[in-house]
C-alpha atoms as a PDB file:
ATOM      1  CA  MET A   1      13.724 -11.923 -14.159  1.00  0.00           C
ATOM      2  CA  ALA A   2      13.402 -13.546 -10.759  1.00  0.00           C
ATOM      3  CA  ASP A   3      11.920 -17.001 -10.280  1.00  0.00           C
ATOM      4  CA  ILE A   4       8.166 -16.302 -10.148  1.00  0.00           C
ATOM      5  CA  GLN A   5       6.885 -19.621  -8.877  1.00  0.00           C
ATOM      6  CA  LEU A   6       4.122 -19.729  -6.253  1.00  0.00           C
ATOM      7  CA  LYS A   7       6.363 -21.840  -4.026  1.00  0.00           C
ATOM      8  CA  ASN A   8       8.493 -18.687  -3.541  1.00  0.00           C
ATOM      9  CA  GLY A   9       5.565 -16.824  -1.966  1.00  0.00           C
ATOM     10  CA  PHE A  10       2.449 -15.023  -3.108  1.00  0.00           C
ATOM     11  CA  LEU A  11      -0.168 -12.532  -1.924  1.00  0.00           C
ATOM     12  CA  ARG A  12      -3.744 -13.541  -1.388  1.00  0.00           C
ATOM     13  CA  ILE A  13      -5.961 -10.495  -1.877  1.00  0.00           C
ATOM     14  CA  ALA A  14      -9.724  -9.983  -1.797  1.00  0.00           C
ATOM     15  CA  THR A  15     -11.249  -9.835  -5.278  1.00  0.00           C
ATOM     16  CA  GLU A  16     -13.290  -6.745  -4.392  1.00  0.00           C
ATOM     17  CA  LEU A  17     -10.149  -4.889  -3.366  1.00  0.00           C
ATOM     18  CA  MET A  18      -8.306  -5.814  -6.549  1.00  0.00           C
ATOM     19  CA  ASN A  19     -11.323  -4.847  -8.673  1.00  0.00           C
ATOM     20  CA  GLU A  20     -11.404  -1.379  -7.082  1.00  0.00           C
ATOM     21  CA  ILE A  21      -7.685  -0.885  -7.646  1.00  0.00           C
ATOM     22  CA  ILE A  22      -8.101  -1.828 -11.303  1.00  0.00           C
ATOM     23  CA  ARG A  23     -11.227   0.286 -11.778  1.00  0.00           C
ATOM     24  CA  ARG A  24      -9.877   3.547 -10.348  1.00  0.00           C
ATOM     25  CA  ASP A  25      -7.424   5.894 -12.015  1.00  0.00           C
ATOM     26  CA  PHE A  26      -4.572   5.961  -9.481  1.00  0.00           C
ATOM     27  CA  SER A  27      -1.277   7.666 -10.215  1.00  0.00           C
ATOM     28  CA  LYS A  28       1.911   5.623 -10.294  1.00  0.00           C
ATOM     29  CA  ARG A  29       2.875   6.925  -6.829  1.00  0.00           C
ATOM     30  CA  GLN A  30      -0.546   6.130  -5.374  1.00  0.00           C
ATOM     31  CA  LEU A  31      -0.412   2.600  -6.779  1.00  0.00           C
ATOM     32  CA  ALA A  32       3.062   2.115  -5.305  1.00  0.00           C
ATOM     33  CA  ILE A  33       1.760   3.180  -1.889  1.00  0.00           C
ATOM     34  CA  LEU A  34      -1.279   0.918  -2.135  1.00  0.00           C
ATOM     35  CA  HIS A  35       0.816  -2.055  -3.220  1.00  0.00           C
ATOM     36  CA  PHE A  36       3.240  -1.410  -0.360  1.00  0.00           C
ATOM     37  CA  ILE A  37       0.426  -1.233   2.213  1.00  0.00           C
ATOM     38  CA  ILE A  38      -1.190  -4.364   0.764  1.00  0.00           C
ATOM     39  CA  ARG A  39       2.164  -6.165   0.923  1.00  0.00           C
ATOM     40  CA  LEU A  40       2.565  -5.274   4.606  1.00  0.00           C
ATOM     41  CA  SER A  41      -1.021  -6.139   5.508  1.00  0.00           C
ATOM     42  CA  TYR A  42      -2.449  -8.890   3.295  1.00  0.00           C
ATOM     43  CA  GLY A  43       1.082 -10.159   2.625  1.00  0.00           C
ATOM     44  CA  CYS A  44       1.499 -10.776   6.345  1.00  0.00           C
ATOM     45  CA  HIS A  45      -2.028 -12.225   6.692  1.00  0.00           C
ATOM     46  CA  GLN A  46      -3.253  -9.095   8.508  1.00  0.00           C
ATOM     47  CA  LYS A  47      -6.118  -6.685   7.838  1.00  0.00           C
ATOM     48  CA  ASP A  48      -3.992  -3.665   8.726  1.00  0.00           C
ATOM     49  CA  CYS A  49      -0.385  -2.630   9.159  1.00  0.00           C
ATOM     50  CA  LEU A  50       1.793  -0.280  11.151  1.00  0.00           C
ATOM     51  CA  ILE A  51       4.427   1.652   9.202  1.00  0.00           C
ATOM     52  CA  GLU A  52       6.503   3.636  11.648  1.00  0.00           C
ATOM     53  CA  LYS A  53       8.423   6.009   9.369  1.00  0.00           C
ATOM     54  CA  PHE A  54       8.232   7.690   5.979  1.00  0.00           C
ATOM     55  CA  ASN A  55      11.542   6.013   5.151  1.00  0.00           C
ATOM     56  CA  ALA A  56       9.771   2.676   4.820  1.00  0.00           C
ATOM     57  CA  PHE A  57       7.918   3.958   1.749  1.00  0.00           C
ATOM     58  CA  GLU A  58      11.211   4.543  -0.047  1.00  0.00           C
ATOM     59  CA  ILE A  59      11.261   0.810  -0.761  1.00  0.00           C
ATOM     60  CA  ALA A  60       8.274   1.513  -3.025  1.00  0.00           C
ATOM     61  CA  GLY A  61      10.433   3.957  -4.992  1.00  0.00           C
ATOM     62  CA  LEU A  62       8.897   7.111  -3.561  1.00  0.00           C
ATOM     63  CA  ASN A  63      10.590  10.359  -2.672  1.00  0.00           C
ATOM     64  CA  LYS A  64      10.074  11.547   0.912  1.00  0.00           C
ATOM     65  CA  SER A  65       8.583  14.824  -0.294  1.00  0.00           C
ATOM     66  CA  ASP A  66       5.772  13.009  -2.132  1.00  0.00           C
ATOM     67  CA  ILE A  67       4.798  10.409   0.441  1.00  0.00           C
ATOM     68  CA  LYS A  68       2.814  12.501   2.927  1.00  0.00           C
ATOM     69  CA  LYS A  69       0.984  14.377   0.157  1.00  0.00           C
ATOM     70  CA  GLU A  70      -0.087  11.124  -1.521  1.00  0.00           C
ATOM     71  CA  LEU A  71      -1.074   9.492   1.777  1.00  0.00           C
ATOM     72  CA  GLN A  72      -3.232  12.482   2.654  1.00  0.00           C
ATOM     73  CA  PHE A  73      -4.864  12.368  -0.789  1.00  0.00           C
ATOM     74  CA  LEU A  74      -5.634   8.646  -0.476  1.00  0.00           C
ATOM     75  CA  ARG A  75      -7.050   9.203   3.006  1.00  0.00           C
ATOM     76  CA  ASP A  76      -9.158  12.184   1.918  1.00  0.00           C
ATOM     77  CA  CYS A  77     -10.570  10.113  -0.964  1.00  0.00           C
ATOM     78  CA  ARG A  78     -11.392   7.334   1.526  1.00  0.00           C
ATOM     79  CA  VAL A  79      -9.131   4.828  -0.185  1.00  0.00           C
ATOM     80  CA  ILE A  80      -7.110   4.161   2.976  1.00  0.00           C
ATOM     81  CA  ASN A  81      -7.645   4.717   6.672  1.00  0.00           C
ATOM     82  CA  TRP A  82      -4.633   6.424   8.138  1.00  0.00           C
ATOM     83  CA  ASP A  83      -4.026   7.412  11.731  1.00  0.00           C
ATOM     84  CA  GLU A  84      -1.369  10.044  11.095  1.00  0.00           C
ATOM     85  CA  LYS A  85      -0.182  10.047  14.713  1.00  0.00           C
ATOM     86  CA  LYS A  86       0.468   6.302  14.867  1.00  0.00           C
ATOM     87  CA  TRP A  87       1.216   5.556  11.188  1.00  0.00           C
ATOM     88  CA  TYR A  88      -1.441   2.915  11.378  1.00  0.00           C
ATOM     89  CA  PHE A  89      -3.302   1.741   8.257  1.00  0.00           C
ATOM     90  CA  PRO A  90      -6.416  -0.219   9.230  1.00  0.00           C
END
């Protein structure tokens, strides 16, 4: 296992956000997407992020054919805000 010390970096995330993630019954793919978006937003000290291509989600272990379907589901359930034209996640 990698060295998991705080000195090597960490994410600071709002308690309310983490509580909602824990409380809801997300699929493994949906959790991977949420963690990826959180990493690119909160992990970079931002409230939102811009992901320009589907390929970026492959780092979260997702197949291209599943990404858009899961993003649309999360948007329709009001879990994420997604501007499909700009790939912007506010």
